[in-house]
């Protein structure tokens, strides 16, 4: 049975290959956005074609500072996926402006440069491979807010029957209730993950800012950088 279709086009204009607004459940991007000269359009197009509750799952190369123009446009560095790497804070800003209010880091690992010529060109800049999970959800808060909500994972995600990771500091052990912020509650109840989670509590009584550290399950299990924070 044929269930796969291939389209060739530009990620800055997904409409040109027939992808309509609100037509995609999940978009996966693996180390290509750094090659685009208009990363803002890439994120805007991804947001446009995702369904409400849809997810952009993106892994790419990022850098710890804004690169000088001579470095960012160097042909060799660009071909190595280094010249086009975004300063991570700039990426978060672009994602939020596109509509992805609360970008979540899944994992982070350093990129090691073993070529002396390339290392000299980039100087003291440090590069990392970072995987993000971005949801198309309306009504998310700009920061983590406490409404007394609790989530319990009921199992069922293939490959994660015992322990499910939403991001690098939100892990959920099967049948173990976890306190969560309102944004995390929305990510578990308003997306494809809703079938596997029971989320209790409505946004009725506000208790102030939520101290969004690792969940209890995440504190006892290591994944990714382990040091992320919501929003």
Protein backbone atom coordinates (compact mmCIF):
# COMPACT_ATOMS: atom_id res chain seq x y z
CA UNK A 1 0.00 0.00 0.00
CA UNK A 2 1.40 3.34 -1.03
CA UNK A 3 1.47 5.75 1.90
CA UNK A 4 4.54 7.88 1.20
CA UNK A 5 4.79 10.87 -1.13
CA UNK A 6 7.93 12.84 -1.99
CA UNK A 7 7.83 16.54 -2.86
CA UNK A 8 10.75 18.70 -3.96
CA UNK A 9 10.64 22.36 -3.09
CA UNK A 10 11.80 25.10 -0.77
CA UNK A 11 11.30 24.90 2.98
CA UNK A 12 10.77 28.67 3.01
CA UNK A 13 7.65 28.22 0.83
CA UNK A 14 5.86 24.94 1.55
CA UNK A 15 2.75 26.18 -0.24
CA UNK A 16 4.60 25.89 -3.54
CA UNK A 17 4.64 22.10 -3.13
CA UNK A 18 1.01 21.88 -2.17
CA UNK A 19 1.18 21.78 1.63
CA UNK A 20 -1.93 23.58 2.80
CA UNK A 21 -2.42 25.50 6.02
CA UNK A 22 -3.19 23.23 8.96
CA UNK A 23 -2.47 20.03 7.04
CA UNK A 24 0.44 18.45 8.97
CA UNK A 25 0.48 16.62 12.31
CA UNK A 26 4.26 16.56 12.74
CA UNK A 27 7.18 18.14 10.88
CA UNK A 28 10.64 16.64 11.36
CA UNK A 29 13.74 18.61 10.40
CA UNK A 30 17.25 17.21 10.70
CA UNK A 31 20.18 19.60 10.28
CA UNK A 32 18.91 21.58 7.28
CA UNK A 33 17.50 24.82 8.69
CA UNK A 34 21.02 26.12 9.31
CA UNK A 35 21.50 26.10 5.51
CA UNK A 36 18.56 28.43 4.88
CA UNK A 37 19.23 32.17 4.44
CA UNK A 38 15.67 32.90 5.71
CA UNK A 39 15.22 30.87 8.83
CA UNK A 40 12.35 33.14 9.86
CA UNK A 41 10.37 32.00 6.82
CA UNK A 42 11.16 28.34 7.52
CA UNK A 43 9.67 28.60 11.01
CA UNK A 44 6.71 30.67 9.83
CA UNK A 45 5.90 28.11 7.12
CA UNK A 46 6.19 25.22 9.56
CA UNK A 47 3.78 26.95 11.91
CA UNK A 48 1.37 27.66 9.04
CA UNK A 49 1.12 24.08 7.77
CA UNK A 50 0.87 22.43 11.19
CA UNK A 51 -2.53 21.54 12.57
CA UNK A 52 -3.50 23.02 15.96
CA UNK A 53 -1.58 20.91 18.48
CA UNK A 54 0.92 19.90 15.81
CA UNK A 55 4.64 19.64 16.44
CA UNK A 56 7.86 20.75 14.77
CA UNK A 57 10.62 18.38 15.88
CA UNK A 58 13.90 19.95 14.83
CA UNK A 59 17.51 18.97 15.34
CA UNK A 60 20.19 21.38 14.14
CA UNK A 61 23.56 23.01 14.78
CA UNK A 62 23.57 26.11 16.99
CA UNK A 63 26.31 28.43 18.20
CA UNK A 64 26.89 30.27 21.47
CA UNK A 65 27.21 33.73 19.87
CA UNK A 66 26.36 35.73 16.74
CA UNK A 67 29.02 34.96 14.17
CA UNK A 68 30.87 37.73 12.28
CA UNK A 69 29.70 38.12 8.68
CA UNK A 70 33.05 36.87 7.37
CA UNK A 71 32.60 33.64 9.32
CA UNK A 72 28.87 33.20 8.69
CA UNK A 73 29.31 33.51 4.90
CA UNK A 74 32.51 31.51 4.56
CA UNK A 75 31.79 28.82 1.89
CA UNK A 76 33.70 26.09 3.70
CA UNK A 77 32.05 26.80 7.05
CA UNK A 78 28.63 26.99 5.43
CA UNK A 79 29.14 23.62 3.77
CA UNK A 80 30.14 22.20 7.17
CA UNK A 81 26.81 23.44 8.65
CA UNK A 82 28.71 25.86 10.89
CA UNK A 83 28.53 29.19 9.06
CA UNK A 84 24.75 29.10 8.91
CA UNK A 85 24.33 28.05 12.54
CA UNK A 86 22.10 30.37 14.55
CA UNK A 87 22.91 31.87 17.90
CA UNK A 88 20.60 29.79 20.08
CA UNK A 89 18.91 32.78 21.72
CA UNK A 90 18.14 34.21 18.26
CA UNK A 91 16.55 30.92 17.24
CA UNK A 92 14.30 30.97 20.30
CA UNK A 93 13.29 34.53 19.44
CA UNK A 94 12.46 33.58 15.84
CA UNK A 95 10.48 30.55 17.00
CA UNK A 96 8.40 32.63 19.41
CA UNK A 97 7.70 35.29 16.77
CA UNK A 98 6.56 32.54 14.39
CA UNK A 99 4.00 31.41 17.00
CA UNK A 100 5.89 28.68 18.88
CA UNK A 101 5.51 30.34 22.28
CA UNK A 102 7.40 27.86 24.46
CA UNK A 103 10.27 26.07 22.64
CA UNK A 104 11.41 22.98 24.54
CA UNK A 105 14.91 21.50 24.36
CA UNK A 106 15.02 17.72 24.04
CA UNK A 107 18.78 17.19 24.07
CA UNK A 108 22.07 19.05 23.65
CA UNK A 109 25.50 17.75 22.72
CA UNK A 110 28.71 19.60 21.78
CA UNK A 111 29.97 19.65 18.18
CA UNK A 112 33.67 18.82 18.13
CA UNK A 113 35.77 20.47 15.40
CA UNK A 114 38.78 18.34 14.59
CA UNK A 115 40.02 20.26 11.54
CA UNK A 116 42.60 22.88 12.53
CA UNK A 117 41.84 25.19 9.60
CA UNK A 118 38.13 25.26 10.42
CA UNK A 119 38.85 25.65 14.13
CA UNK A 120 40.99 28.72 13.42
CA UNK A 121 38.24 30.27 11.30
CA UNK A 122 35.56 29.96 14.00
CA UNK A 123 37.88 31.07 16.79
CA UNK A 124 36.38 30.75 20.26
CA UNK A 125 32.80 30.18 19.06
CA UNK A 126 31.31 26.94 20.39
CA UNK A 127 28.81 24.87 18.46
CA UNK A 128 26.22 22.40 19.70
CA UNK A 129 23.75 19.96 18.22
CA UNK A 130 20.39 20.75 19.81
CA UNK A 131 17.04 19.04 19.36
CA UNK A 132 13.94 21.16 19.94
CA UNK A 133 10.28 20.32 20.24
CA UNK A 134 8.00 23.19 19.14
CA UNK A 135 4.21 22.97 19.49
CA UNK A 136 1.52 24.93 17.67
CA UNK A 137 -0.68 25.71 20.66
CA UNK A 138 -2.78 28.77 21.36
CA UNK A 139 -2.97 30.40 24.78
CA UNK A 140 0.43 29.39 26.14
CA UNK A 141 1.94 31.64 28.80
CA UNK A 142 5.15 33.58 28.22
CA UNK A 143 6.56 31.93 31.33
CA UNK A 144 5.69 28.96 33.51
CA UNK A 145 2.53 29.59 35.52
CA UNK A 146 1.10 27.51 38.38
CA UNK A 147 -2.55 26.45 38.29
CA UNK A 148 -2.13 23.40 40.52
CA UNK A 149 -2.21 20.96 37.60
CA UNK A 150 -1.07 17.35 37.71
CA UNK A 151 -0.23 14.94 34.87
CA UNK A 152 -0.06 11.15 34.98
CA UNK A 153 1.41 9.08 32.17
CA UNK A 154 -0.65 5.96 31.46
CA UNK A 155 1.88 4.29 29.17
CA UNK A 156 1.38 3.43 25.54
CA UNK A 157 4.02 5.44 23.69
CA UNK A 158 6.01 2.93 21.67
CA UNK A 159 9.55 2.63 22.98
CA UNK A 160 8.66 4.61 26.12
CA UNK A 161 6.38 2.25 28.01
CA UNK A 162 8.01 2.86 31.38
CA UNK A 163 9.31 6.41 31.03
CA UNK A 164 8.30 9.19 28.63
CA UNK A 165 10.35 12.34 28.02
CA UNK A 166 8.51 15.45 26.90
CA UNK A 167 11.74 17.46 26.96
CA UNK A 168 15.10 17.40 28.70
CA UNK A 169 13.65 18.06 32.17
CA UNK A 170 10.10 16.74 31.93
CA UNK A 171 10.08 12.96 32.29
CA UNK A 172 6.99 11.00 33.28
CA UNK A 173 7.12 7.57 34.86
CA UNK A 174 4.13 5.39 34.15
CA UNK A 175 1.30 5.87 36.71
CA UNK A 176 3.33 8.40 38.72
CA UNK A 177 1.56 11.79 39.11
CA UNK A 178 3.72 14.85 38.47
CA UNK A 179 3.05 18.52 39.21
CA UNK A 180 3.32 20.62 36.05
CA UNK A 181 2.98 24.18 34.80
CA UNK A 182 0.09 25.29 32.58
CA UNK A 183 2.16 25.17 29.38
CA UNK A 184 3.23 21.59 30.02
CA UNK A 185 -0.38 20.69 30.76
CA UNK A 186 -1.37 22.09 27.36
CA UNK A 187 1.42 20.17 25.62
CA UNK A 188 0.20 16.91 27.13
CA UNK A 189 -3.54 17.46 26.75
CA UNK A 190 -3.77 19.44 23.49
CA UNK A 191 -1.46 17.41 21.26
CA UNK A 192 -1.02 13.87 19.94
CA UNK A 193 0.14 12.87 23.43
CA UNK A 194 -3.29 13.41 25.00
CA UNK A 195 -4.32 9.76 24.56
CA UNK A 196 -1.54 8.65 26.88
CA UNK A 197 -1.91 11.24 29.64
CA UNK A 198 -4.42 12.14 32.28
CA UNK A 199 -4.15 15.84 33.10
CA UNK A 200 -6.09 17.07 36.13
CA UNK A 201 -6.80 20.68 37.03
CA UNK A 202 -8.18 23.60 35.06
CA UNK A 203 -6.79 27.11 34.65
CA UNK A 204 -9.16 28.56 37.24
CA UNK A 205 -7.09 29.39 40.32
CA UNK A 206 -3.68 30.93 39.70
CA UNK A 207 -0.96 30.32 42.27
CA UNK A 208 1.73 32.48 40.71
CA UNK A 209 4.97 31.65 38.92
CA UNK A 210 5.73 27.94 38.62
CA UNK A 211 9.28 26.83 39.63
CA UNK A 212 9.76 24.72 36.52
CA UNK A 213 12.63 22.44 37.45
CA UNK A 214 12.95 18.75 36.60
CA UNK A 215 10.02 16.47 37.34
CA UNK A 216 10.58 13.82 40.00
CA UNK A 217 11.04 11.18 37.30
CA UNK A 218 13.51 13.36 35.41
CA UNK A 219 15.57 14.02 38.54
CA UNK A 220 16.24 10.29 38.82
CA UNK A 221 17.03 9.71 35.15
CA UNK A 222 19.61 11.38 32.93
CA UNK A 223 18.82 12.59 29.41
CA UNK A 224 20.06 15.42 27.23
CA UNK A 225 21.55 18.41 28.99
CA UNK A 226 19.18 18.05 31.92
CA UNK A 227 19.39 21.75 32.64
CA UNK A 228 16.65 23.30 30.55
CA UNK A 229 13.80 25.43 31.73
CA UNK A 230 10.37 26.11 30.36
CA UNK A 231 9.75 29.20 28.26
